[in-house]
Amino acid sequence: MFTDACGFIEPTLDVLALSITTSCNLKCDFCSRDAGGRRNYLTPLDITNILNSASSFTNLRLITISGGEPTLHPNFFEIMQAAKGYSQKLSINTNGTTLTSEIIRKMKICGVTSVALSLDSSNSKLHDEIRGVDGAFNKTLSSINLLRKNGIRFTLKTTLGKKNVNELSNLIIFANTLGASKVSVSRTIPIGRAAKNYDFIEWETYSKSLNDGIKIAKELSIDLVIDDPLKIFLNKNSLNKAKDALIAGEYGGCAAGISMAYILPNKDVLPCPAFPYVLGNIEESDFKTIWFSEKANSIRNRDFLKGKCGSCQLKNICGGCRGMAYSLTNDIFANDPFCPKTV
């Protein structure tokens, strides 16, 4: 993916994430949706309309179905059926406490290729504390056993906050023993319920946790996916790779509204789950119109970035987390305040 001379990044929709319900049985500290309150749902017909619109201009690599807790949707099976065949891969993002043999059987029928389960520590007590419900850890492990028994690949997803920032290495070791295909990690963004519970982590603490995790993952030969554009500043190797990409004229970093989109149960379209900037609503416009709208195009121009992100030579392969910038400043072009780079 490349930028033009004016800093505009041509969008190529690769990942479409569908949040099908606000219903949830947990009370996670960092929930970006504040799920579990008012119940909104996307319907199977909504899914069909959205995916027909998307498929008119792109070949999706991945569709993810999430919530809330997606398995609590009253038409979860029909939702999966509606999504089948529209992408190369179909993934379910779940907290892992509600899976049954019957649900997994239906997942296989609908062509689900992988399941991402939330696990925030290898310590059951800490995980349950973060998730707000006793017994959540053991229920997730039971779900993992069911997935393994049925031959479905699974990923462990963790969100780093003050409570678990030092847990990553042990979690990666634990994930390896469980047979996870990879571990995906992101930082807490102060939106939804997380805005009420946000406790800023120092970059030094965060980067040490990630670098230690990278080392452990390499030793164990398990994939570690770091969902953070600032990962280019973690070490000399990642920074040198970023500089090589810059020389090649490539784009990278924050994918919000560029290679991914996120649709809420109320039908609002967001650039990504962590970026609560509404591009439009599919009740008012079809998805394709929203995706190519002037509002969506504005966030694709790195020349519009301000402050440290705007003056950074690496902005076309980083751009900072637009969700973090927006959540703290209400400005979609502000610099990511978590960035360690000095100007």
C-alpha atoms as a PDB file:
ATOM      1  CA  MET A   1       0.000   0.000   0.000  1.00  0.00           C
ATOM      2  CA  PHE A   2       1.393   3.401  -0.973  1.00  0.00           C
ATOM      3  CA  THR A   3       0.786   7.103  -0.466  1.00  0.00           C
ATOM      4  CA  ASP A   4       0.553   9.765  -3.122  1.00  0.00           C
ATOM      5  CA  ALA A   5       2.667  12.906  -3.183  1.00  0.00           C
ATOM      6  CA  CYS A   6       0.194  14.736  -0.937  1.00  0.00           C
ATOM      7  CA  GLY A   7       0.250  12.183   1.879  1.00  0.00           C
ATOM      8  CA  PHE A   8      -3.113  10.639   1.016  1.00  0.00           C
ATOM      9  CA  ILE A   9      -3.138   6.873   1.551  1.00  0.00           C
ATOM     10  CA  GLU A  10      -5.247   4.938  -0.917  1.00  0.00           C
ATOM     11  CA  PRO A  11      -7.690   2.783   1.062  1.00  0.00           C
ATOM     12  CA  THR A  12      -7.787  -0.952   0.488  1.00  0.00           C
ATOM     13  CA  LEU A  13     -10.410  -2.521   2.727  1.00  0.00           C
ATOM     14  CA  ASP A  14      -8.906  -5.766   3.990  1.00  0.00           C
ATOM     15  CA  VAL A  15     -10.591  -6.388   7.348  1.00  0.00           C
ATOM     16  CA  LEU A  16     -14.223  -5.715   8.240  1.00  0.00           C
ATOM     17  CA  ALA A  17     -15.134  -6.081  11.902  1.00  0.00           C
ATOM     18  CA  LEU A  18     -18.794  -6.473  12.813  1.00  0.00           C
ATOM     19  CA  SER A  19     -19.899  -5.791  16.382  1.00  0.00           C
ATOM     20  CA  ILE A  20     -23.230  -7.580  16.274  1.00  0.00           C
ATOM     21  CA  THR A  21     -24.487  -6.954  19.810  1.00  0.00           C
ATOM     22  CA  THR A  22     -23.934  -4.843  22.918  1.00  0.00           C
ATOM     23  CA  SER A  23     -24.993  -7.758  25.144  1.00  0.00           C
ATOM     24  CA  CYS A  24     -22.256  -9.136  27.366  1.00  0.00           C
ATOM     25  CA  ASN A  25     -21.965 -11.343  30.422  1.00  0.00           C
ATOM     26  CA  LEU A  26     -18.725  -9.805  31.705  1.00  0.00           C
ATOM     27  CA  LYS A  27     -17.769  -6.381  33.088  1.00  0.00           C
ATOM     28  CA  CYS A  28     -14.273  -5.790  31.762  1.00  0.00           C
ATOM     29  CA  ASP A  29     -12.348  -2.768  33.048  1.00  0.00           C
ATOM     30  CA  PHE A  30     -11.144  -1.746  29.595  1.00  0.00           C
ATOM     31  CA  CYS A  31     -14.273  -2.388  27.496  1.00  0.00           C
ATOM     32  CA  SER A  32     -14.297   0.094  24.635  1.00  0.00           C
ATOM     33  CA  ARG A  33     -18.057  -0.337  24.201  1.00  0.00           C
ATOM     34  CA  ASP A  34     -19.214  -0.301  27.866  1.00  0.00           C
ATOM     35  CA  ALA A  35     -21.094  -3.440  26.820  1.00  0.00           C
ATOM     36  CA  GLY A  36     -23.817  -5.089  28.827  1.00  0.00           C
ATOM     37  CA  GLY A  37     -26.203  -2.149  29.075  1.00  0.00           C
ATOM     38  CA  ARG A  38     -28.739  -1.207  26.432  1.00  0.00           C
ATOM     39  CA  ARG A  39     -29.130  -4.045  23.941  1.00  0.00           C
ATOM     40  CA  ASN A  40     -28.655  -3.253  20.264  1.00  0.00           C
ATOM     41  CA  TYR A  41     -28.230  -5.839  17.519  1.00  0.00           C
ATOM     42  CA  LEU A  42     -27.208  -6.091  13.919  1.00  0.00           C
ATOM     43  CA  THR A  43     -29.595  -8.428  12.096  1.00  0.00           C
ATOM     44  CA  PRO A  44     -28.707 -11.120   9.543  1.00  0.00           C
ATOM     45  CA  LEU A  45     -30.227  -8.852   6.879  1.00  0.00           C
ATOM     46  CA  ASP A  46     -27.979  -5.995   8.030  1.00  0.00           C
ATOM     47  CA  ILE A  47     -24.967  -8.287   7.649  1.00  0.00           C
ATOM     48  CA  THR A  48     -26.003  -9.321   4.157  1.00  0.00           C
ATOM     49  CA  ASN A  49     -26.532  -5.711   3.045  1.00  0.00           C
ATOM     50  CA  ILE A  50     -23.215  -4.554   4.509  1.00  0.00           C
ATOM     51  CA  LEU A  51     -21.233  -7.398   2.949  1.00  0.00           C
ATOM     52  CA  ASN A  52     -22.928  -7.068  -0.434  1.00  0.00           C
ATOM     53  CA  SER A  53     -21.941  -3.405  -0.437  1.00  0.00           C
ATOM     54  CA  ALA A  54     -18.359  -4.155   0.637  1.00  0.00           C
ATOM     55  CA  SER A  55     -17.927  -6.955  -1.898  1.00  0.00           C
ATOM     56  CA  SER A  56     -18.886  -4.561  -4.693  1.00  0.00           C
ATOM     57  CA  PHE A  57     -15.490  -2.856  -4.388  1.00  0.00           C
ATOM     58  CA  THR A  58     -13.111  -5.143  -2.484  1.00  0.00           C
ATOM     59  CA  ASN A  59     -12.163  -8.750  -1.773  1.00  0.00           C
ATOM     60  CA  LEU A  60     -12.084  -9.022   1.994  1.00  0.00           C
ATOM     61  CA  ARG A  61      -9.297 -11.026   3.571  1.00  0.00           C
ATOM     62  CA  LEU A  62     -10.978 -11.241   6.964  1.00  0.00           C
ATOM     63  CA  ILE A  63     -14.363 -10.713   8.570  1.00  0.00           C
ATOM     64  CA  THR A  64     -14.450 -10.701  12.360  1.00  0.00           C
ATOM     65  CA  ILE A  65     -17.659 -11.053  14.335  1.00  0.00           C
ATOM     66  CA  SER A  66     -17.560  -9.592  17.822  1.00  0.00           C
ATOM     67  CA  GLY A  67     -19.677  -7.786  20.421  1.00  0.00           C
ATOM     68  CA  GLY A  68     -20.230  -7.384  23.329  1.00  0.00           C
ATOM     69  CA  GLU A  69     -20.260 -11.127  23.440  1.00  0.00           C
ATOM     70  CA  PRO A  70     -21.339 -12.268  19.962  1.00  0.00           C
ATOM     71  CA  THR A  71     -22.569 -15.701  21.039  1.00  0.00           C
ATOM     72  CA  LEU A  72     -25.292 -13.970  23.087  1.00  0.00           C
ATOM     73  CA  HIS A  73     -26.883 -12.609  19.918  1.00  0.00           C
ATOM     74  CA  PRO A  74     -30.303 -14.311  19.536  1.00  0.00           C
ATOM     75  CA  ASN A  75     -29.507 -15.028  15.868  1.00  0.00           C
ATOM     76  CA  PHE A  76     -25.814 -15.828  16.171  1.00  0.00           C
ATOM     77  CA  PHE A  77     -26.003 -18.868  13.879  1.00  0.00           C
ATOM     78  CA  GLU A  78     -27.891 -16.895  11.210  1.00  0.00           C
ATOM     79  CA  ILE A  79     -25.324 -14.079  11.487  1.00  0.00           C
ATOM     80  CA  MET A  80     -22.499 -16.520  10.799  1.00  0.00           C
ATOM     81  CA  GLN A  81     -24.429 -18.001   7.893  1.00  0.00           C
ATOM     82  CA  ALA A  82     -24.965 -14.522   6.448  1.00  0.00           C
ATOM     83  CA  ALA A  83     -21.223 -13.779   6.640  1.00  0.00           C
ATOM     84  CA  LYS A  84     -20.135 -17.074   5.087  1.00  0.00           C
ATOM     85  CA  GLY A  85     -18.380 -16.814   1.735  1.00  0.00           C
ATOM     86  CA  TYR A  86     -17.719 -13.070   1.753  1.00  0.00           C
ATOM     87  CA  SER A  87     -14.069 -13.269   2.812  1.00  0.00           C
ATOM     88  CA  GLN A  88     -11.037 -15.505   2.748  1.00  0.00           C
ATOM     89  CA  LYS A  89     -11.258 -15.962   6.515  1.00  0.00           C
ATOM     90  CA  LEU A  90     -14.042 -15.695   9.082  1.00  0.00           C
ATOM     91  CA  SER A  91     -13.156 -15.206  12.737  1.00  0.00           C
ATOM     92  CA  ILE A  92     -15.176 -14.959  15.947  1.00  0.00           C
ATOM     93  CA  ASN A  93     -13.942 -12.696  18.765  1.00  0.00           C
ATOM     94  CA  THR A  94     -15.328 -13.977  22.075  1.00  0.00           C
ATOM     95  CA  ASN A  95     -14.615 -13.680  25.780  1.00  0.00           C
ATOM     96  CA  GLY A  96     -14.593 -17.475  25.780  1.00  0.00           C
ATOM     97  CA  THR A  97     -17.048 -18.022  28.632  1.00  0.00           C
ATOM     98  CA  THR A  98     -20.091 -19.102  26.609  1.00  0.00           C
ATOM     99  CA  LEU A  99     -18.856 -21.585  24.015  1.00  0.00           C
ATOM    100  CA  THR A 100     -20.487 -25.007  23.870  1.00  0.00           C
ATOM    101  CA  SER A 101     -20.010 -28.048  21.660  1.00  0.00           C
ATOM    102  CA  GLU A 102     -23.175 -27.068  19.773  1.00  0.00           C
ATOM    103  CA  ILE A 103     -21.985 -23.503  19.129  1.00  0.00           C
ATOM    104  CA  ILE A 104     -18.632 -24.803  17.899  1.00  0.00           C
ATOM    105  CA  ARG A 105     -20.374 -27.334  15.646  1.00  0.00           C
ATOM    106  CA  LYS A 106     -22.334 -24.498  14.048  1.00  0.00           C
ATOM    107  CA  MET A 107     -19.150 -22.434  13.693  1.00  0.00           C
ATOM    108  CA  LYS A 108     -17.621 -25.234  11.637  1.00  0.00           C
ATOM    109  CA  ILE A 109     -20.748 -25.480   9.473  1.00  0.00           C
ATOM    110  CA  CYS A 110     -20.506 -21.745   8.749  1.00  0.00           C
ATOM    111  CA  GLY A 111     -16.845 -21.890   7.761  1.00  0.00           C
ATOM    112  CA  VAL A 112     -15.335 -20.152  10.788  1.00  0.00           C
ATOM    113  CA  THR A 113     -11.576 -20.418  10.334  1.00  0.00           C
ATOM    114  CA  SER A 114     -10.423 -19.187  13.739  1.00  0.00           C
ATOM    115  CA  VAL A 115     -11.616 -18.011  17.131  1.00  0.00           C
ATOM    116  CA  ALA A 116      -9.994 -15.231  19.157  1.00  0.00           C
ATOM    117  CA  LEU A 117     -10.470 -15.579  22.905  1.00  0.00           C
ATOM    118  CA  SER A 118      -9.778 -12.918  25.496  1.00  0.00           C
ATOM    119  CA  LEU A 119      -7.258 -13.805  28.179  1.00  0.00           C
ATOM    120  CA  ASP A 120      -5.542 -11.047  30.138  1.00  0.00           C
ATOM    121  CA  SER A 121      -3.329 -13.077  32.441  1.00  0.00           C
ATOM    122  CA  SER A 122      -2.204 -16.630  33.088  1.00  0.00           C
ATOM    123  CA  ASN A 123      -3.198 -15.904  36.682  1.00  0.00           C
ATOM    124  CA  SER A 124      -6.857 -16.847  37.116  1.00  0.00           C
ATOM    125  CA  LYS A 125      -7.482 -14.420  39.962  1.00  0.00           C
ATOM    126  CA  LEU A 126      -6.102 -11.432  38.048  1.00  0.00           C
ATOM    127  CA  HIS A 127      -7.928 -12.340  34.837  1.00  0.00           C
ATOM    128  CA  ASP A 128     -11.245 -12.624  36.715  1.00  0.00           C
ATOM    129  CA  GLU A 129     -10.579  -9.293  38.451  1.00  0.00           C
ATOM    130  CA  ILE A 130      -9.997  -7.541  35.121  1.00  0.00           C
ATOM    131  CA  ARG A 131     -13.036  -9.241  33.560  1.00  0.00           C
ATOM    132  CA  GLY A 132     -15.250  -8.408  36.545  1.00  0.00           C
ATOM    133  CA  VAL A 133     -16.693 -11.919  36.997  1.00  0.00           C
ATOM    134  CA  ASP A 134     -15.400 -14.792  39.124  1.00  0.00           C
ATOM    135  CA  GLY A 135     -14.871 -18.007  37.206  1.00  0.00           C
ATOM    136  CA  ALA A 136     -14.313 -16.354  33.830  1.00  0.00           C
ATOM    137  CA  PHE A 137     -10.792 -17.769  33.544  1.00  0.00           C
ATOM    138  CA  ASN A 138     -11.854 -21.389  34.022  1.00  0.00           C
ATOM    139  CA  LYS A 139     -14.747 -21.033  31.578  1.00  0.00           C
ATOM    140  CA  THR A 140     -12.369 -19.687  28.936  1.00  0.00           C
ATOM    141  CA  LEU A 141     -10.011 -22.629  29.459  1.00  0.00           C
ATOM    142  CA  SER A 142     -12.957 -24.998  29.018  1.00  0.00           C
ATOM    143  CA  SER A 143     -13.779 -23.280  25.721  1.00  0.00           C
ATOM    144  CA  ILE A 144     -10.168 -23.634  24.593  1.00  0.00           C
ATOM    145  CA  ASN A 145     -10.330 -27.364  25.274  1.00  0.00           C
ATOM    146  CA  LEU A 146     -13.499 -27.606  23.156  1.00  0.00           C
ATOM    147  CA  LEU A 147     -11.855 -25.702  20.271  1.00  0.00           C
ATOM    148  CA  ARG A 148      -8.808 -27.958  20.381  1.00  0.00           C
ATOM    149  CA  LYS A 149     -11.014 -31.048  20.447  1.00  0.00           C
ATOM    150  CA  ASN A 150     -12.836 -29.792  17.350  1.00  0.00           C
ATOM    151  CA  GLY A 151      -9.708 -28.752  15.472  1.00  0.00           C
ATOM    152  CA  ILE A 152     -10.435 -25.017  15.319  1.00  0.00           C
ATOM    153  CA  ARG A 153      -7.462 -22.662  15.420  1.00  0.00           C
ATOM    154  CA  PHE A 154      -7.550 -20.104  18.188  1.00  0.00           C
ATOM    155  CA  THR A 155      -5.761 -16.927  19.163  1.00  0.00           C
ATOM    156  CA  LEU A 156      -5.425 -15.429  22.612  1.00  0.00           C
ATOM    157  CA  LYS A 157      -6.089 -11.688  22.706  1.00  0.00           C
ATOM    158  CA  THR A 158      -4.971  -9.487  25.560  1.00  0.00           C
ATOM    159  CA  THR A 159      -5.337  -5.795  26.284  1.00  0.00           C
ATOM    160  CA  LEU A 160      -2.533  -4.339  28.361  1.00  0.00           C
ATOM    161  CA  GLY A 161      -3.383  -1.994  31.203  1.00  0.00           C
ATOM    162  CA  LYS A 162      -1.849  -1.039  34.522  1.00  0.00           C
ATOM    163  CA  LYS A 163      -2.978  -4.276  36.180  1.00  0.00           C
ATOM    164  CA  ASN A 164      -1.534  -6.720  33.660  1.00  0.00           C
ATOM    165  CA  VAL A 165       1.206  -4.876  31.775  1.00  0.00           C
ATOM    166  CA  ASN A 166       3.832  -7.163  33.328  1.00  0.00           C
ATOM    167  CA  GLU A 167       1.883 -10.354  32.585  1.00  0.00           C
ATOM    168  CA  LEU A 168       2.581 -10.635  28.856  1.00  0.00           C
ATOM    169  CA  SER A 169       5.602 -12.958  28.925  1.00  0.00           C
ATOM    170  CA  ASN A 170       3.892 -15.459  31.220  1.00  0.00           C
ATOM    171  CA  LEU A 171       0.745 -15.247  29.096  1.00  0.00           C
ATOM    172  CA  ILE A 172       2.720 -16.085  25.945  1.00  0.00           C
ATOM    173  CA  ILE A 173       4.263 -19.121  27.675  1.00  0.00           C
ATOM    174  CA  PHE A 174       0.788 -20.170  28.833  1.00  0.00           C
ATOM    175  CA  ALA A 175      -0.666 -19.649  25.350  1.00  0.00           C
ATOM    176  CA  ASN A 176       2.005 -21.897  23.910  1.00  0.00           C
ATOM    177  CA  THR A 177       1.177 -24.693  26.349  1.00  0.00           C
ATOM    178  CA  LEU A 178      -2.517 -24.338  25.459  1.00  0.00           C
ATOM    179  CA  GLY A 179      -1.787 -24.689  21.740  1.00  0.00           C
ATOM    180  CA  ALA A 180      -2.725 -21.166  20.621  1.00  0.00           C
ATOM    181  CA  SER A 181      -1.719 -20.255  17.076  1.00  0.00           C
ATOM    182  CA  LYS A 182      -0.742 -16.760  18.167  1.00  0.00           C
ATOM    183  CA  VAL A 183      -1.070 -14.077  20.823  1.00  0.00           C
ATOM    184  CA  SER A 184      -2.466 -10.682  19.909  1.00  0.00           C
ATOM    185  CA  VAL A 185      -1.773  -7.711  22.165  1.00  0.00           C
ATOM    186  CA  SER A 186      -3.031  -4.138  22.210  1.00  0.00           C
ATOM    187  CA  ARG A 187      -2.933  -1.243  24.644  1.00  0.00           C
ATOM    188  CA  THR A 188      -5.935   0.125  26.496  1.00  0.00           C
ATOM    189  CA  ILE A 189      -7.592   3.067  24.756  1.00  0.00           C
ATOM    190  CA  PRO A 190      -9.654   5.308  27.099  1.00  0.00           C
ATOM    191  CA  ILE A 191     -13.060   5.007  25.433  1.00  0.00           C
ATOM    192  CA  GLY A 192     -16.293   3.397  26.634  1.00  0.00           C
ATOM    193  CA  ARG A 193     -15.919   1.848  30.084  1.00  0.00           C
ATOM    194  CA  ALA A 194     -12.150   2.138  29.751  1.00  0.00           C
ATOM    195  CA  ALA A 195     -12.477   5.935  29.939  1.00  0.00           C
ATOM    196  CA  LYS A 196     -13.751   5.570  33.504  1.00  0.00           C
ATOM    197  CA  ASN A 197     -10.994   3.154  34.536  1.00  0.00           C
ATOM    198  CA  TYR A 198      -8.049   4.420  32.499  1.00  0.00           C
ATOM    199  CA  ASP A 199      -4.693   4.498  34.258  1.00  0.00           C
ATOM    200  CA  PHE A 200      -1.852   5.671  32.021  1.00  0.00           C
ATOM    201  CA  ILE A 201       1.072   3.260  31.581  1.00  0.00           C
ATOM    202  CA  GLU A 202       4.573   4.649  31.197  1.00  0.00           C
ATOM    203  CA  TRP A 203       6.163   3.921  27.817  1.00  0.00           C
ATOM    204  CA  GLU A 204       9.209   2.380  29.496  1.00  0.00           C
ATOM    205  CA  THR A 205       7.037  -0.168  31.306  1.00  0.00           C
ATOM    206  CA  TYR A 206       4.916  -0.902  28.240  1.00  0.00           C
ATOM    207  CA  SER A 207       7.852  -1.241  25.839  1.00  0.00           C
ATOM    208  CA  LYS A 208       9.778  -3.498  28.229  1.00  0.00           C
ATOM    209  CA  SER A 209       6.773  -5.806  28.482  1.00  0.00           C
ATOM    210  CA  LEU A 210       6.471  -5.972  24.683  1.00  0.00           C
ATOM    211  CA  ASN A 211      10.186  -6.466  24.074  1.00  0.00           C
ATOM    212  CA  ASP A 212      10.303  -9.238  26.681  1.00  0.00           C
ATOM    213  CA  GLY A 213       7.259 -10.760  25.002  1.00  0.00           C
ATOM    214  CA  ILE A 214       8.909 -10.601  21.585  1.00  0.00           C
ATOM    215  CA  LYS A 215      11.919 -12.474  22.940  1.00  0.00           C
ATOM    216  CA  ILE A 216       9.816 -15.201  24.586  1.00  0.00           C
ATOM    217  CA  ALA A 217       7.606 -15.608  21.503  1.00  0.00           C
ATOM    218  CA  LYS A 218      10.671 -16.032  19.299  1.00  0.00           C
ATOM    219  CA  GLU A 219      12.107 -18.666  21.623  1.00  0.00           C
ATOM    220  CA  LEU A 220       8.822 -20.588  21.617  1.00  0.00           C
ATOM    221  CA  SER A 221       8.126 -20.058  17.883  1.00  0.00           C
ATOM    222  CA  ILE A 222       4.678 -18.648  18.569  1.00  0.00           C
ATOM    223  CA  ASP A 223       3.403 -15.630  16.662  1.00  0.00           C
ATOM    224  CA  LEU A 224       3.036 -12.399  18.626  1.00  0.00           C
ATOM    225  CA  VAL A 225       0.909  -9.746  16.942  1.00  0.00           C
ATOM    226  CA  ILE A 226       1.336  -6.260  18.383  1.00  0.00           C
ATOM    227  CA  ASP A 227      -1.652  -4.165  17.382  1.00  0.00           C
ATOM    228  CA  ASP A 228      -0.036  -0.785  17.888  1.00  0.00           C
ATOM    229  CA  PRO A 229       1.541   1.536  15.294  1.00  0.00           C
ATOM    230  CA  LEU A 230       4.071   2.664  17.902  1.00  0.00           C
ATOM    231  CA  LYS A 231       5.667  -0.799  17.800  1.00  0.00           C
ATOM    232  CA  ILE A 232       8.187   0.633  15.344  1.00  0.00           C
ATOM    233  CA  PHE A 233       9.795   2.430  18.309  1.00  0.00           C
ATOM    234  CA  LEU A 234      10.188  -0.687  20.469  1.00  0.00           C
ATOM    235  CA  ASN A 235      13.773  -1.479  19.462  1.00  0.00           C
ATOM    236  CA  LYS A 236      16.478  -0.761  16.887  1.00  0.00           C
ATOM    237  CA  ASN A 237      15.435  -3.658  14.674  1.00  0.00           C
ATOM    238  CA  SER A 238      11.829  -2.511  14.371  1.00  0.00           C
ATOM    239  CA  LEU A 239      12.918   1.078  13.818  1.00  0.00           C
ATOM    240  CA  ASN A 240      15.354   0.091  11.056  1.00  0.00           C
ATOM    241  CA  LYS A 241      12.610  -1.915   9.325  1.00  0.00           C
ATOM    242  CA  ALA A 242      10.368   1.129   9.496  1.00  0.00           C
ATOM    243  CA  LYS A 243      13.038   3.331   7.962  1.00  0.00           C
ATOM    244  CA  ASP A 244      13.552   0.804   5.143  1.00  0.00           C
ATOM    245  CA  ALA A 245       9.806   0.868   4.481  1.00  0.00           C
ATOM    246  CA  LEU A 246       9.921   4.661   4.407  1.00  0.00           C
ATOM    247  CA  ILE A 247      12.658   4.595   1.771  1.00  0.00           C
ATOM    248  CA  ALA A 248      10.525   2.170  -0.278  1.00  0.00           C
ATOM    249  CA  GLY A 249       7.624   4.607  -0.091  1.00  0.00           C
ATOM    250  CA  GLU A 250       5.374   2.150   1.710  1.00  0.00           C
ATOM    251  CA  TYR A 251       2.481   2.824   4.039  1.00  0.00           C
ATOM    252  CA  GLY A 252       2.132   1.244   7.485  1.00  0.00           C
ATOM    253  CA  GLY A 253       1.032   1.857  11.026  1.00  0.00           C
ATOM    254  CA  CYS A 254      -2.481   2.841  11.982  1.00  0.00           C
ATOM    255  CA  ALA A 255      -4.878   0.967   9.698  1.00  0.00           C
ATOM    256  CA  ALA A 256      -8.040   2.692  10.930  1.00  0.00           C
ATOM    257  CA  GLY A 257     -10.259   3.590   7.986  1.00  0.00           C
ATOM    258  CA  ILE A 258      -7.536   2.587   5.550  1.00  0.00           C
ATOM    259  CA  SER A 259      -7.466  -1.193   5.508  1.00  0.00           C
ATOM    260  CA  MET A 260     -10.124  -1.847   8.125  1.00  0.00           C
ATOM    261  CA  ALA A 261     -13.544  -0.676   9.266  1.00  0.00           C
ATOM    262  CA  TYR A 262     -15.750  -1.434  12.239  1.00  0.00           C
ATOM    263  CA  ILE A 263     -19.544  -1.454  12.377  1.00  0.00           C
ATOM    264  CA  LEU A 264     -21.434  -1.091  15.648  1.00  0.00           C
ATOM    265  CA  PRO A 265     -24.768  -2.689  16.622  1.00  0.00           C
ATOM    266  CA  ASN A 266     -26.457   0.726  16.165  1.00  0.00           C
ATOM    267  CA  LYS A 267     -25.127   0.637  12.569  1.00  0.00           C
ATOM    268  CA  ASP A 268     -22.547   3.399  13.001  1.00  0.00           C
ATOM    269  CA  VAL A 269     -19.415   2.879  10.904  1.00  0.00           C
ATOM    270  CA  LEU A 270     -16.106   3.563  12.669  1.00  0.00           C
ATOM    271  CA  PRO A 271     -12.548   3.456  11.297  1.00  0.00           C
ATOM    272  CA  CYS A 272     -11.633   0.781  13.866  1.00  0.00           C
ATOM    273  CA  PRO A 273     -12.822  -0.551  17.251  1.00  0.00           C
ATOM    274  CA  ALA A 274     -10.555   1.840  19.152  1.00  0.00           C
ATOM    275  CA  PHE A 275     -11.425   4.966  17.157  1.00  0.00           C
ATOM    276  CA  PRO A 276     -14.965   6.195  18.034  1.00  0.00           C
ATOM    277  CA  TYR A 277     -15.173   8.677  15.167  1.00  0.00           C
ATOM    278  CA  VAL A 278     -18.423   8.043  13.322  1.00  0.00           C
ATOM    279  CA  LEU A 279     -17.993   8.045   9.539  1.00  0.00           C
ATOM    280  CA  GLY A 280     -21.679   7.404   8.858  1.00  0.00           C
ATOM    281  CA  ASN A 281     -24.580   5.095   9.589  1.00  0.00           C
ATOM    282  CA  ILE A 282     -25.781   2.317   7.309  1.00  0.00           C
ATOM    283  CA  GLU A 283     -29.395   3.260   7.967  1.00  0.00           C
ATOM    284  CA  GLU A 284     -28.678   6.518   6.124  1.00  0.00           C
ATOM    285  CA  SER A 285     -26.128   5.432   3.480  1.00  0.00           C
ATOM    286  CA  ASP A 286     -24.827   2.157   2.170  1.00  0.00           C
ATOM    287  CA  PHE A 287     -21.415   1.006   3.357  1.00  0.00           C
ATOM    288  CA  LYS A 288     -19.625   1.726   0.071  1.00  0.00           C
ATOM    289  CA  THR A 289     -20.796   5.353   0.078  1.00  0.00           C
ATOM    290  CA  ILE A 290     -19.593   5.805   3.649  1.00  0.00           C
ATOM    291  CA  TRP A 291     -16.227   4.143   2.954  1.00  0.00           C
ATOM    292  CA  PHE A 292     -15.429   6.496   0.061  1.00  0.00           C
ATOM    293  CA  SER A 293     -16.947   9.616   1.650  1.00  0.00           C
ATOM    294  CA  GLU A 294     -15.058  12.865   2.147  1.00  0.00           C
ATOM    295  CA  LYS A 295     -15.199  12.323   5.906  1.00  0.00           C
ATOM    296  CA  ALA A 296     -13.545   8.919   5.583  1.00  0.00           C
ATOM    297  CA  ASN A 297     -10.953  10.215   3.128  1.00  0.00           C
ATOM    298  CA  SER A 298      -9.901  12.970   5.522  1.00  0.00           C
ATOM    299  CA  ILE A 299      -8.489  10.491   8.040  1.00  0.00           C
ATOM    300  CA  ARG A 300      -6.411   8.864   5.295  1.00  0.00           C
ATOM    301  CA  ASN A 301      -4.245  11.909   4.702  1.00  0.00           C
ATOM    302  CA  ARG A 302      -1.184  11.851   6.948  1.00  0.00           C
ATOM    303  CA  ASP A 303      -0.353  15.425   5.910  1.00  0.00           C
ATOM    304  CA  PHE A 304      -3.300  16.548   8.067  1.00  0.00           C
ATOM    305  CA  LEU A 305      -1.649  15.226  11.244  1.00  0.00           C
ATOM    306  CA  LYS A 306      -0.668  17.789  13.842  1.00  0.00           C
ATOM    307  CA  GLY A 307       1.984  18.203  16.514  1.00  0.00           C
ATOM    308  CA  LYS A 308       4.647  15.578  16.906  1.00  0.00           C
ATOM    309  CA  CYS A 309       2.867  13.110  14.577  1.00  0.00           C
ATOM    310  CA  GLY A 310       2.535  15.770  11.875  1.00  0.00           C
ATOM    311  CA  SER A 311       6.223  16.662  11.875  1.00  0.00           C
ATOM    312  CA  CYS A 312       7.471  13.081  12.205  1.00  0.00           C
ATOM    313  CA  GLN A 313       9.389  11.700   9.222  1.00  0.00           C
ATOM    314  CA  LEU A 314       7.902   8.268   9.942  1.00  0.00           C
ATOM    315  CA  LYS A 315       4.257   9.339   9.850  1.00  0.00           C
ATOM    316  CA  ASN A 316       3.471   7.387   6.669  1.00  0.00           C
ATOM    317  CA  ILE A 317       4.482   4.125   8.300  1.00  0.00           C
ATOM    318  CA  CYS A 318       3.152   4.922  11.771  1.00  0.00           C
ATOM    319  CA  GLY A 319       0.739   7.830  12.148  1.00  0.00           C
ATOM    320  CA  GLY A 320       0.232   7.105  15.827  1.00  0.00           C
ATOM    321  CA  CYS A 321      -2.940   5.532  17.158  1.00  0.00           C
ATOM    322  CA  ARG A 322      -5.719   7.778  15.882  1.00  0.00           C
ATOM    323  CA  GLY A 323      -8.059   6.304  18.492  1.00  0.00           C
ATOM    324  CA  MET A 324      -5.774   7.311  21.361  1.00  0.00           C
ATOM    325  CA  ALA A 325      -5.301  10.793  19.928  1.00  0.00           C
ATOM    326  CA  TYR A 326      -9.035  11.308  19.421  1.00  0.00           C
ATOM    327  CA  SER A 327     -10.072   9.878  22.793  1.00  0.00           C
ATOM    328  CA  LEU A 328      -7.789  12.248  24.708  1.00  0.00           C
ATOM    329  CA  THR A 329      -8.059  15.404  22.587  1.00  0.00           C
ATOM    330  CA  ASN A 330     -11.292  15.092  20.563  1.00  0.00           C
ATOM    331  CA  ASP A 331      -9.135  15.871  17.523  1.00  0.00           C
ATOM    332  CA  ILE A 332      -8.681  13.127  14.926  1.00  0.00           C
ATOM    333  CA  PHE A 333      -5.418  14.702  13.725  1.00  0.00           C
ATOM    334  CA  ALA A 334      -3.748  15.306  17.103  1.00  0.00           C
ATOM    335  CA  ASN A 335      -0.527  13.533  17.971  1.00  0.00           C
ATOM    336  CA  ASP A 336      -0.608  10.247  19.845  1.00  0.00           C
ATOM    337  CA  PRO A 337       0.428  11.342  23.374  1.00  0.00           C
ATOM    338  CA  PHE A 338       1.818   7.879  24.097  1.00  0.00           C
ATOM    339  CA  CYS A 339       4.541   8.205  21.470  1.00  0.00           C
ATOM    340  CA  PRO A 340       8.078   8.079  22.975  1.00  0.00           C
ATOM    341  CA  LYS A 341       9.742   9.862  20.075  1.00  0.00           C
ATOM    342  CA  THR A 342      11.281  13.228  20.879  1.00  0.00           C
ATOM    343  CA  VAL A 343      11.236  15.960  18.249  1.00  0.00           C
END
